[in-house]
């Protein structure tokens, strides 16, 4: 079978970079999206085969998986993950997909307080039971959170106390995903935790953001209840609010902490620092109307 890659969530934070990085290497890419829009049109213009499909539709996912050698599976933090995973695993098995890279999360575990994190752990097990070789990725908080939760008044109101993590950009995660898709055998059955280059607390993160933006950014610790109300005011659903409350506690307890060299050794480059990430994404801090809060 000729090489062809399937990327689900292809207009999402990691998916869009995976599609572009594969295309840059001359690889045929089928980009699965949940709706056609300007973002999917850009991927088509770049050379991707764009397929619109519901991830809970077995026939549609099966058609998208046909003649695919390796696939990237990701699903947003909304209800339906376990159903989507089972459907994807069945479609991949029926279509003879050789390898899957699965986007999980660092808080995924059997006894997680977050419903979504616990479902991610179960989704990993579903994929492990399938005949398709799978690699699980468990990233810490994305650097993109520093866009999503940045306020126009220059604050980061978050319930993370003095916890620490090493923010990792979606672009760097995509380098790892792309490398594994192109050479999956050494990574089959592995679980990789993904981190940025430097572990920091949010006061230190705010200082790096200040240096990049040339204006003061302040971390403002808030309570879980205040955070939840802020999320509701911004239109977040109850599923993700329950998740974010629970992982905030995980964060304080060190679950998201750590560093390693996975991005460099597998992805082939050093991960972006917070200052580099903010500098690259300056437009999002100047125009808050562009921010996708989901």
C-alpha atoms as a PDB file:
ATOM      1  CA  UNK A   1       0.000   0.000   0.000  1.00  0.00           C
ATOM      2  CA  UNK A   2       1.266   3.461  -0.900  1.00  0.00           C
ATOM      3  CA  UNK A   3       1.960   5.725   2.069  1.00  0.00           C
ATOM      4  CA  UNK A   4      -1.025   7.843   3.136  1.00  0.00           C
ATOM      5  CA  UNK A   5      -1.758   9.470   6.492  1.00  0.00           C
ATOM      6  CA  UNK A   6      -5.067  10.242   8.169  1.00  0.00           C
ATOM      7  CA  UNK A   7      -5.198  13.185  10.567  1.00  0.00           C
ATOM      8  CA  UNK A   8      -8.329  13.604  12.659  1.00  0.00           C
ATOM      9  CA  UNK A   9      -9.095  16.941  14.284  1.00  0.00           C
ATOM     10  CA  UNK A  10      -7.210  18.372  11.344  1.00  0.00           C
ATOM     11  CA  UNK A  11      -8.166  21.996  11.996  1.00  0.00           C
ATOM     12  CA  UNK A  12      -7.464  21.724  15.726  1.00  0.00           C
ATOM     13  CA  UNK A  13      -4.461  22.894  17.692  1.00  0.00           C
ATOM     14  CA  UNK A  14      -2.191  19.917  16.964  1.00  0.00           C
ATOM     15  CA  UNK A  15      -3.905  18.527  13.884  1.00  0.00           C
ATOM     16  CA  UNK A  16      -3.340  21.547  11.686  1.00  0.00           C
ATOM     17  CA  UNK A  17       0.406  21.424  12.350  1.00  0.00           C
ATOM     18  CA  UNK A  18       0.551  17.668  11.730  1.00  0.00           C
ATOM     19  CA  UNK A  19      -1.166  18.086   8.360  1.00  0.00           C
ATOM     20  CA  UNK A  20       1.182  20.878   7.310  1.00  0.00           C
ATOM     21  CA  UNK A  21       4.331  19.128   8.506  1.00  0.00           C
ATOM     22  CA  UNK A  22       3.423  15.949   6.640  1.00  0.00           C
ATOM     23  CA  UNK A  23       2.613  17.906   3.478  1.00  0.00           C
ATOM     24  CA  UNK A  24       5.950  19.723   3.750  1.00  0.00           C
ATOM     25  CA  UNK A  25       7.596  16.288   3.597  1.00  0.00           C
ATOM     26  CA  UNK A  26       5.672  15.390   0.466  1.00  0.00           C
ATOM     27  CA  UNK A  27       3.378  12.883   2.161  1.00  0.00           C
ATOM     28  CA  UNK A  28      -0.237  12.359   1.041  1.00  0.00           C
ATOM     29  CA  UNK A  29      -2.565  13.486   3.843  1.00  0.00           C
ATOM     30  CA  UNK A  30      -6.274  12.915   4.394  1.00  0.00           C
ATOM     31  CA  UNK A  31      -7.504  15.592   6.784  1.00  0.00           C
ATOM     32  CA  UNK A  32     -10.661  14.649   8.677  1.00  0.00           C
ATOM     33  CA  UNK A  33     -12.664  17.643   9.920  1.00  0.00           C
ATOM     34  CA  UNK A  34     -16.083  17.928  11.556  1.00  0.00           C
ATOM     35  CA  UNK A  35     -17.170  20.793   9.320  1.00  0.00           C
ATOM     36  CA  UNK A  36     -16.032  22.607   6.212  1.00  0.00           C
ATOM     37  CA  UNK A  37     -14.866  26.157   6.912  1.00  0.00           C
ATOM     38  CA  UNK A  38     -12.063  28.589   6.111  1.00  0.00           C
ATOM     39  CA  UNK A  39      -9.563  26.489   8.066  1.00  0.00           C
ATOM     40  CA  UNK A  40     -10.340  23.313   6.129  1.00  0.00           C
ATOM     41  CA  UNK A  41     -10.203  25.274   2.874  1.00  0.00           C
ATOM     42  CA  UNK A  42      -6.674  26.373   3.774  1.00  0.00           C
ATOM     43  CA  UNK A  43      -5.649  22.751   4.305  1.00  0.00           C
ATOM     44  CA  UNK A  44      -7.142  21.778   0.941  1.00  0.00           C
ATOM     45  CA  UNK A  45      -5.271  24.636  -0.725  1.00  0.00           C
ATOM     46  CA  UNK A  46      -2.054  23.366   0.883  1.00  0.00           C
ATOM     47  CA  UNK A  47      -2.597  19.962  -0.726  1.00  0.00           C
ATOM     48  CA  UNK A  48      -4.528  17.892   1.815  1.00  0.00           C
ATOM     49  CA  UNK A  49      -7.484  15.684   0.884  1.00  0.00           C
ATOM     50  CA  UNK A  50     -10.168  17.103   3.171  1.00  0.00           C
ATOM     51  CA  UNK A  51     -12.935  14.804   4.407  1.00  0.00           C
ATOM     52  CA  UNK A  52     -15.885  16.065   6.449  1.00  0.00           C
ATOM     53  CA  UNK A  53     -17.117  13.404   8.852  1.00  0.00           C
ATOM     54  CA  UNK A  54     -18.733  12.879  12.226  1.00  0.00           C
ATOM     55  CA  UNK A  55     -16.335  10.913  14.447  1.00  0.00           C
ATOM     56  CA  UNK A  56     -19.354   9.063  15.878  1.00  0.00           C
ATOM     57  CA  UNK A  57     -20.369   7.779  12.417  1.00  0.00           C
ATOM     58  CA  UNK A  58     -18.708   4.387  11.860  1.00  0.00           C
ATOM     59  CA  UNK A  59     -19.365   4.321   8.119  1.00  0.00           C
ATOM     60  CA  UNK A  60     -17.919   7.804   7.612  1.00  0.00           C
ATOM     61  CA  UNK A  61     -14.848   7.132   9.756  1.00  0.00           C
ATOM     62  CA  UNK A  62     -14.358   3.795   8.023  1.00  0.00           C
ATOM     63  CA  UNK A  63     -14.377   5.505   4.646  1.00  0.00           C
ATOM     64  CA  UNK A  64     -11.844   8.072   5.882  1.00  0.00           C
ATOM     65  CA  UNK A  65      -9.542   5.296   7.139  1.00  0.00           C
ATOM     66  CA  UNK A  66      -9.539   3.381   3.863  1.00  0.00           C
ATOM     67  CA  UNK A  67      -6.092   2.989   2.230  1.00  0.00           C
ATOM     68  CA  UNK A  68      -4.377   4.719   5.166  1.00  0.00           C
ATOM     69  CA  UNK A  69      -1.006   3.502   6.436  1.00  0.00           C
ATOM     70  CA  UNK A  70      -0.924   5.443   9.742  1.00  0.00           C
ATOM     71  CA  UNK A  71      -3.302   7.789  11.543  1.00  0.00           C
ATOM     72  CA  UNK A  72      -3.380  10.466  14.217  1.00  0.00           C
ATOM     73  CA  UNK A  73      -6.372  10.289  16.540  1.00  0.00           C
ATOM     74  CA  UNK A  74      -7.485  13.207  18.693  1.00  0.00           C
ATOM     75  CA  UNK A  75     -10.842  14.208  20.117  1.00  0.00           C
ATOM     76  CA  UNK A  76     -11.905  17.418  21.852  1.00  0.00           C
ATOM     77  CA  UNK A  77     -12.826  17.572  25.532  1.00  0.00           C
ATOM     78  CA  UNK A  78     -16.520  17.061  24.934  1.00  0.00           C
ATOM     79  CA  UNK A  79     -18.797  14.089  25.661  1.00  0.00           C
ATOM     80  CA  UNK A  80     -18.336  11.173  23.263  1.00  0.00           C
ATOM     81  CA  UNK A  81     -14.636  10.300  23.553  1.00  0.00           C
ATOM     82  CA  UNK A  82     -15.121   6.609  24.353  1.00  0.00           C
ATOM     83  CA  UNK A  83     -17.626   6.104  21.548  1.00  0.00           C
ATOM     84  CA  UNK A  84     -15.411   7.941  19.086  1.00  0.00           C
ATOM     85  CA  UNK A  85     -12.389   5.904  20.171  1.00  0.00           C
ATOM     86  CA  UNK A  86     -14.201   2.591  19.770  1.00  0.00           C
ATOM     87  CA  UNK A  87     -15.456   3.633  16.335  1.00  0.00           C
ATOM     88  CA  UNK A  88     -12.009   4.811  15.272  1.00  0.00           C
ATOM     89  CA  UNK A  89     -10.339   1.621  16.547  1.00  0.00           C
ATOM     90  CA  UNK A  90     -12.843  -0.543  14.666  1.00  0.00           C
ATOM     91  CA  UNK A  91     -12.507   1.500  11.480  1.00  0.00           C
ATOM     92  CA  UNK A  92      -8.712   1.388  11.672  1.00  0.00           C
ATOM     93  CA  UNK A  93      -8.723  -2.386  12.209  1.00  0.00           C
ATOM     94  CA  UNK A  94     -11.153  -3.018   9.356  1.00  0.00           C
ATOM     95  CA  UNK A  95      -9.191  -0.787   6.991  1.00  0.00           C
ATOM     96  CA  UNK A  96      -5.787  -2.265   7.814  1.00  0.00           C
ATOM     97  CA  UNK A  97      -4.310   0.943   9.256  1.00  0.00           C
ATOM     98  CA  UNK A  98      -0.799   0.030  10.348  1.00  0.00           C
ATOM     99  CA  UNK A  99      -0.271   2.424  13.247  1.00  0.00           C
ATOM    100  CA  UNK A 100      -2.102   5.017  15.332  1.00  0.00           C
ATOM    101  CA  UNK A 101      -0.778   7.942  17.356  1.00  0.00           C
ATOM    102  CA  UNK A 102      -3.280   8.739  20.089  1.00  0.00           C
ATOM    103  CA  UNK A 103      -3.536  12.117  21.820  1.00  0.00           C
ATOM    104  CA  UNK A 104      -4.268  11.463  25.476  1.00  0.00           C
ATOM    105  CA  UNK A 105      -3.370  13.734  28.402  1.00  0.00           C
ATOM    106  CA  UNK A 106      -0.922  13.719  31.289  1.00  0.00           C
ATOM    107  CA  UNK A 107      -3.710  13.473  33.873  1.00  0.00           C
ATOM    108  CA  UNK A 108      -5.152  10.282  32.315  1.00  0.00           C
ATOM    109  CA  UNK A 109      -5.396   7.543  34.939  1.00  0.00           C
ATOM    110  CA  UNK A 110      -7.864   5.008  36.283  1.00  0.00           C
ATOM    111  CA  UNK A 111      -8.765   7.011  39.397  1.00  0.00           C
ATOM    112  CA  UNK A 112      -8.703  10.525  37.934  1.00  0.00           C
ATOM    113  CA  UNK A 113     -11.254  12.924  39.435  1.00  0.00           C
ATOM    114  CA  UNK A 114     -11.763  14.462  36.008  1.00  0.00           C
ATOM    115  CA  UNK A 115     -14.340  12.552  33.993  1.00  0.00           C
ATOM    116  CA  UNK A 116     -12.511  13.452  30.787  1.00  0.00           C
ATOM    117  CA  UNK A 117      -9.112  12.348  32.117  1.00  0.00           C
ATOM    118  CA  UNK A 118     -10.531   9.029  33.285  1.00  0.00           C
ATOM    119  CA  UNK A 119     -12.169   8.566  29.873  1.00  0.00           C
ATOM    120  CA  UNK A 120      -8.824   9.252  28.194  1.00  0.00           C
ATOM    121  CA  UNK A 121      -7.293   6.447  30.281  1.00  0.00           C
ATOM    122  CA  UNK A 122     -10.091   4.122  29.184  1.00  0.00           C
ATOM    123  CA  UNK A 123      -9.687   5.259  25.566  1.00  0.00           C
ATOM    124  CA  UNK A 124      -6.026   4.277  25.751  1.00  0.00           C
ATOM    125  CA  UNK A 125      -7.075   0.792  26.879  1.00  0.00           C
ATOM    126  CA  UNK A 126      -9.590   0.490  24.016  1.00  0.00           C
ATOM    127  CA  UNK A 127      -6.855   1.277  21.514  1.00  0.00           C
ATOM    128  CA  UNK A 128      -4.483  -1.112  23.273  1.00  0.00           C
ATOM    129  CA  UNK A 129      -7.030  -3.921  22.793  1.00  0.00           C
ATOM    130  CA  UNK A 130      -7.234  -3.254  19.041  1.00  0.00           C
ATOM    131  CA  UNK A 131      -4.936  -5.080  16.592  1.00  0.00           C
ATOM    132  CA  UNK A 132      -3.472  -1.754  15.424  1.00  0.00           C
ATOM    133  CA  UNK A 133      -0.089  -0.689  16.839  1.00  0.00           C
ATOM    134  CA  UNK A 134      -0.625   2.423  18.971  1.00  0.00           C
ATOM    135  CA  UNK A 135       1.527   5.107  20.589  1.00  0.00           C
ATOM    136  CA  UNK A 136      -0.029   7.244  23.332  1.00  0.00           C
ATOM    137  CA  UNK A 137       0.961  10.857  23.931  1.00  0.00           C
ATOM    138  CA  UNK A 138       0.360  12.501  27.303  1.00  0.00           C
ATOM    139  CA  UNK A 139       1.216  16.205  27.117  1.00  0.00           C
ATOM    140  CA  UNK A 140       1.275  18.670  29.968  1.00  0.00           C
ATOM    141  CA  UNK A 141      -0.746  21.886  29.536  1.00  0.00           C
ATOM    142  CA  UNK A 142      -0.409  23.367  26.042  1.00  0.00           C
ATOM    143  CA  UNK A 143       1.360  26.702  25.652  1.00  0.00           C
ATOM    144  CA  UNK A 144      -1.813  27.740  23.801  1.00  0.00           C
ATOM    145  CA  UNK A 145      -3.485  28.006  27.212  1.00  0.00           C
ATOM    146  CA  UNK A 146      -1.459  31.202  27.600  1.00  0.00           C
ATOM    147  CA  UNK A 147      -3.535  32.634  24.764  1.00  0.00           C
ATOM    148  CA  UNK A 148      -6.887  31.177  25.790  1.00  0.00           C
ATOM    149  CA  UNK A 149      -6.733  32.389  29.385  1.00  0.00           C
ATOM    150  CA  UNK A 150      -4.895  35.667  28.889  1.00  0.00           C
ATOM    151  CA  UNK A 151      -7.143  38.646  29.627  1.00  0.00           C
ATOM    152  CA  UNK A 152      -7.145  42.035  27.934  1.00  0.00           C
ATOM    153  CA  UNK A 153      -6.132  43.640  31.238  1.00  0.00           C
ATOM    154  CA  UNK A 154      -2.849  41.708  31.159  1.00  0.00           C
ATOM    155  CA  UNK A 155      -3.774  39.044  33.700  1.00  0.00           C
ATOM    156  CA  UNK A 156      -3.845  35.263  33.834  1.00  0.00           C
ATOM    157  CA  UNK A 157      -6.635  34.452  36.339  1.00  0.00           C
ATOM    158  CA  UNK A 158      -6.116  30.749  37.040  1.00  0.00           C
ATOM    159  CA  UNK A 159      -6.589  28.398  40.019  1.00  0.00           C
ATOM    160  CA  UNK A 160      -3.149  26.804  39.898  1.00  0.00           C
ATOM    161  CA  UNK A 161      -1.571  28.031  43.123  1.00  0.00           C
ATOM    162  CA  UNK A 162       2.203  27.651  43.018  1.00  0.00           C
ATOM    163  CA  UNK A 163       2.141  24.497  40.881  1.00  0.00           C
ATOM    164  CA  UNK A 164       4.630  24.119  38.045  1.00  0.00           C
ATOM    165  CA  UNK A 165       4.767  22.783  34.515  1.00  0.00           C
ATOM    166  CA  UNK A 166       6.730  23.205  31.275  1.00  0.00           C
ATOM    167  CA  UNK A 167       4.253  24.589  28.701  1.00  0.00           C
ATOM    168  CA  UNK A 168       4.473  22.793  25.360  1.00  0.00           C
ATOM    169  CA  UNK A 169       3.394  24.306  22.056  1.00  0.00           C
ATOM    170  CA  UNK A 170       1.066  22.380  19.748  1.00  0.00           C
ATOM    171  CA  UNK A 171       3.605  22.924  16.970  1.00  0.00           C
ATOM    172  CA  UNK A 172       6.230  20.972  18.933  1.00  0.00           C
ATOM    173  CA  UNK A 173       3.795  18.192  19.758  1.00  0.00           C
ATOM    174  CA  UNK A 174       3.045  17.921  16.048  1.00  0.00           C
ATOM    175  CA  UNK A 175       6.722  17.325  15.313  1.00  0.00           C
ATOM    176  CA  UNK A 176       6.637  14.293  17.595  1.00  0.00           C
ATOM    177  CA  UNK A 177       3.372  13.067  16.064  1.00  0.00           C
ATOM    178  CA  UNK A 178       4.677  13.503  12.520  1.00  0.00           C
ATOM    179  CA  UNK A 179       7.923  11.672  13.280  1.00  0.00           C
ATOM    180  CA  UNK A 180       6.074   8.712  14.807  1.00  0.00           C
ATOM    181  CA  UNK A 181       3.574   8.513  11.943  1.00  0.00           C
ATOM    182  CA  UNK A 182       6.416   8.341   9.425  1.00  0.00           C
ATOM    183  CA  UNK A 183       8.340   5.685  11.392  1.00  0.00           C
ATOM    184  CA  UNK A 184       5.910   4.046  13.834  1.00  0.00           C
ATOM    185  CA  UNK A 185       7.580   0.695  14.537  1.00  0.00           C
ATOM    186  CA  UNK A 186      10.109   1.879  17.179  1.00  0.00           C
ATOM    187  CA  UNK A 187       7.308   3.634  19.066  1.00  0.00           C
ATOM    188  CA  UNK A 188       4.599   0.960  19.029  1.00  0.00           C
ATOM    189  CA  UNK A 189       3.230   0.318  22.496  1.00  0.00           C
ATOM    190  CA  UNK A 190       5.017   3.328  24.006  1.00  0.00           C
ATOM    191  CA  UNK A 191       3.557   6.093  26.153  1.00  0.00           C
ATOM    192  CA  UNK A 192       5.323   9.458  25.829  1.00  0.00           C
ATOM    193  CA  UNK A 193       4.839  12.398  28.173  1.00  0.00           C
ATOM    194  CA  UNK A 194       5.392  15.685  26.351  1.00  0.00           C
ATOM    195  CA  UNK A 195       6.855  18.824  27.894  1.00  0.00           C
ATOM    196  CA  UNK A 196       8.263  22.178  26.877  1.00  0.00           C
ATOM    197  CA  UNK A 197      11.844  23.128  27.740  1.00  0.00           C
ATOM    198  CA  UNK A 198      11.447  24.707  31.184  1.00  0.00           C
ATOM    199  CA  UNK A 199       9.293  23.973  34.196  1.00  0.00           C
ATOM    200  CA  UNK A 200       7.903  27.156  35.793  1.00  0.00           C
ATOM    201  CA  UNK A 201       5.129  28.372  38.049  1.00  0.00           C
ATOM    202  CA  UNK A 202       2.636  30.885  36.672  1.00  0.00           C
ATOM    203  CA  UNK A 203       4.360  33.891  38.215  1.00  0.00           C
ATOM    204  CA  UNK A 204       7.492  32.903  36.268  1.00  0.00           C
ATOM    205  CA  UNK A 205       5.444  32.227  33.147  1.00  0.00           C
ATOM    206  CA  UNK A 206       3.850  35.688  33.425  1.00  0.00           C
ATOM    207  CA  UNK A 207       7.311  37.240  33.696  1.00  0.00           C
ATOM    208  CA  UNK A 208       8.389  35.537  30.458  1.00  0.00           C
ATOM    209  CA  UNK A 209       5.209  36.692  28.755  1.00  0.00           C
ATOM    210  CA  UNK A 210       5.882  40.242  29.974  1.00  0.00           C
ATOM    211  CA  UNK A 211       9.353  40.155  28.455  1.00  0.00           C
ATOM    212  CA  UNK A 212       7.983  38.978  25.107  1.00  0.00           C
ATOM    213  CA  UNK A 213       5.065  41.426  24.961  1.00  0.00           C
ATOM    214  CA  UNK A 214       6.886  44.444  26.354  1.00  0.00           C
ATOM    215  CA  UNK A 215       4.120  45.055  28.884  1.00  0.00           C
ATOM    216  CA  UNK A 216       3.250  43.650  32.272  1.00  0.00           C
ATOM    217  CA  UNK A 217       1.463  40.329  32.523  1.00  0.00           C
ATOM    218  CA  UNK A 218       0.361  39.166  35.974  1.00  0.00           C
ATOM    219  CA  UNK A 219      -0.718  35.774  37.230  1.00  0.00           C
ATOM    220  CA  UNK A 220      -3.763  36.211  39.475  1.00  0.00           C
ATOM    221  CA  UNK A 221      -4.539  33.091  41.530  1.00  0.00           C
ATOM    222  CA  UNK A 222      -8.303  32.528  41.771  1.00  0.00           C
ATOM    223  CA  UNK A 223     -10.508  29.977  43.522  1.00  0.00           C
ATOM    224  CA  UNK A 224     -11.958  26.971  41.738  1.00  0.00           C
ATOM    225  CA  UNK A 225     -15.450  28.434  42.065  1.00  0.00           C
ATOM    226  CA  UNK A 226     -14.394  31.768  40.569  1.00  0.00           C
ATOM    227  CA  UNK A 227     -12.619  29.959  37.731  1.00  0.00           C
ATOM    228  CA  UNK A 228     -15.713  27.855  37.029  1.00  0.00           C
ATOM    229  CA  UNK A 229     -17.927  30.927  36.831  1.00  0.00           C
ATOM    230  CA  UNK A 230     -15.472  32.618  34.492  1.00  0.00           C
ATOM    231  CA  UNK A 231     -15.577  29.567  32.235  1.00  0.00           C
ATOM    232  CA  UNK A 232     -19.388  29.544  32.212  1.00  0.00           C
ATOM    233  CA  UNK A 233     -19.417  33.237  31.351  1.00  0.00           C
ATOM    234  CA  UNK A 234     -17.206  32.459  28.359  1.00  0.00           C
ATOM    235  CA  UNK A 235     -19.464  29.690  27.106  1.00  0.00           C
ATOM    236  CA  UNK A 236     -17.585  26.585  28.226  1.00  0.00           C
ATOM    237  CA  UNK A 237     -19.756  23.491  28.738  1.00  0.00           C
ATOM    238  CA  UNK A 238     -20.137  21.624  32.015  1.00  0.00           C
ATOM    239  CA  UNK A 239     -18.091  18.629  30.820  1.00  0.00           C
ATOM    240  CA  UNK A 240     -14.965  20.695  30.275  1.00  0.00           C
ATOM    241  CA  UNK A 241     -15.598  22.804  33.388  1.00  0.00           C
ATOM    242  CA  UNK A 242     -15.671  19.650  35.534  1.00  0.00           C
ATOM    243  CA  UNK A 243     -12.448  18.549  33.841  1.00  0.00           C
ATOM    244  CA  UNK A 244     -10.655  21.854  34.317  1.00  0.00           C
ATOM    245  CA  UNK A 245     -11.620  22.062  38.001  1.00  0.00           C
ATOM    246  CA  UNK A 246     -10.275  18.556  38.602  1.00  0.00           C
ATOM    247  CA  UNK A 247      -7.031  19.019  36.702  1.00  0.00           C
ATOM    248  CA  UNK A 248      -6.422  22.308  38.523  1.00  0.00           C
ATOM    249  CA  UNK A 249      -6.200  20.226  41.694  1.00  0.00           C
ATOM    250  CA  UNK A 250      -3.975  17.718  39.872  1.00  0.00           C
ATOM    251  CA  UNK A 251      -1.788  20.602  38.791  1.00  0.00           C
ATOM    252  CA  UNK A 252      -1.358  21.853  42.349  1.00  0.00           C
ATOM    253  CA  UNK A 253      -0.422  18.291  43.322  1.00  0.00           C
ATOM    254  CA  UNK A 254       2.362  18.069  40.719  1.00  0.00           C
ATOM    255  CA  UNK A 255       0.673  15.841  38.137  1.00  0.00           C
ATOM    256  CA  UNK A 256       1.548  18.236  35.284  1.00  0.00           C
ATOM    257  CA  UNK A 257       5.152  18.863  36.378  1.00  0.00           C
ATOM    258  CA  UNK A 258       8.288  17.521  34.752  1.00  0.00           C
ATOM    259  CA  UNK A 259      10.522  17.850  31.715  1.00  0.00           C
ATOM    260  CA  UNK A 260      12.137  15.434  29.268  1.00  0.00           C
ATOM    261  CA  UNK A 261      13.850  15.362  25.863  1.00  0.00           C
ATOM    262  CA  UNK A 262      11.099  13.685  23.794  1.00  0.00           C
ATOM    263  CA  UNK A 263      10.488  16.683  21.529  1.00  0.00           C
ATOM    264  CA  UNK A 264      14.178  16.925  20.727  1.00  0.00           C
ATOM    265  CA  UNK A 265      14.978  13.223  20.382  1.00  0.00           C
ATOM    266  CA  UNK A 266      11.832  12.181  18.481  1.00  0.00           C
ATOM    267  CA  UNK A 267      10.577  15.453  17.015  1.00  0.00           C
ATOM    268  CA  UNK A 268      14.028  16.559  15.932  1.00  0.00           C
ATOM    269  CA  UNK A 269      14.160  20.076  17.368  1.00  0.00           C
ATOM    270  CA  UNK A 270      14.226  21.928  20.654  1.00  0.00           C
ATOM    271  CA  UNK A 271      10.743  22.874  21.906  1.00  0.00           C
ATOM    272  CA  UNK A 272       9.683  26.504  21.998  1.00  0.00           C
ATOM    273  CA  UNK A 273      10.152  28.414  25.224  1.00  0.00           C
ATOM    274  CA  UNK A 274       7.300  30.491  26.631  1.00  0.00           C
ATOM    275  CA  UNK A 275       8.995  33.675  25.431  1.00  0.00           C
ATOM    276  CA  UNK A 276       9.472  32.243  21.925  1.00  0.00           C
ATOM    277  CA  UNK A 277       5.879  30.999  21.813  1.00  0.00           C
ATOM    278  CA  UNK A 278       4.413  34.351  22.842  1.00  0.00           C
ATOM    279  CA  UNK A 279       6.640  36.186  20.355  1.00  0.00           C
ATOM    280  CA  UNK A 280       5.444  33.931  17.532  1.00  0.00           C
ATOM    281  CA  UNK A 281       1.806  34.465  18.511  1.00  0.00           C
ATOM    282  CA  UNK A 282       1.903  38.187  19.230  1.00  0.00           C
ATOM    283  CA  UNK A 283      -1.197  38.848  17.128  1.00  0.00           C
ATOM    284  CA  UNK A 284      -3.403  36.856  19.512  1.00  0.00           C
ATOM    285  CA  UNK A 285      -2.423  39.062  22.433  1.00  0.00           C
ATOM    286  CA  UNK A 286      -3.100  42.250  20.477  1.00  0.00           C
ATOM    287  CA  UNK A 287      -6.486  41.116  19.117  1.00  0.00           C
ATOM    288  CA  UNK A 288      -8.492  39.204  21.732  1.00  0.00           C
ATOM    289  CA  UNK A 289     -11.382  38.751  19.281  1.00  0.00           C
ATOM    290  CA  UNK A 290      -9.398  36.006  17.473  1.00  0.00           C
ATOM    291  CA  UNK A 291      -9.156  33.697  20.487  1.00  0.00           C
ATOM    292  CA  UNK A 292     -10.930  30.343  20.325  1.00  0.00           C
ATOM    293  CA  UNK A 293     -12.048  29.727  23.910  1.00  0.00           C
ATOM    294  CA  UNK A 294     -12.964  26.098  23.227  1.00  0.00           C
END
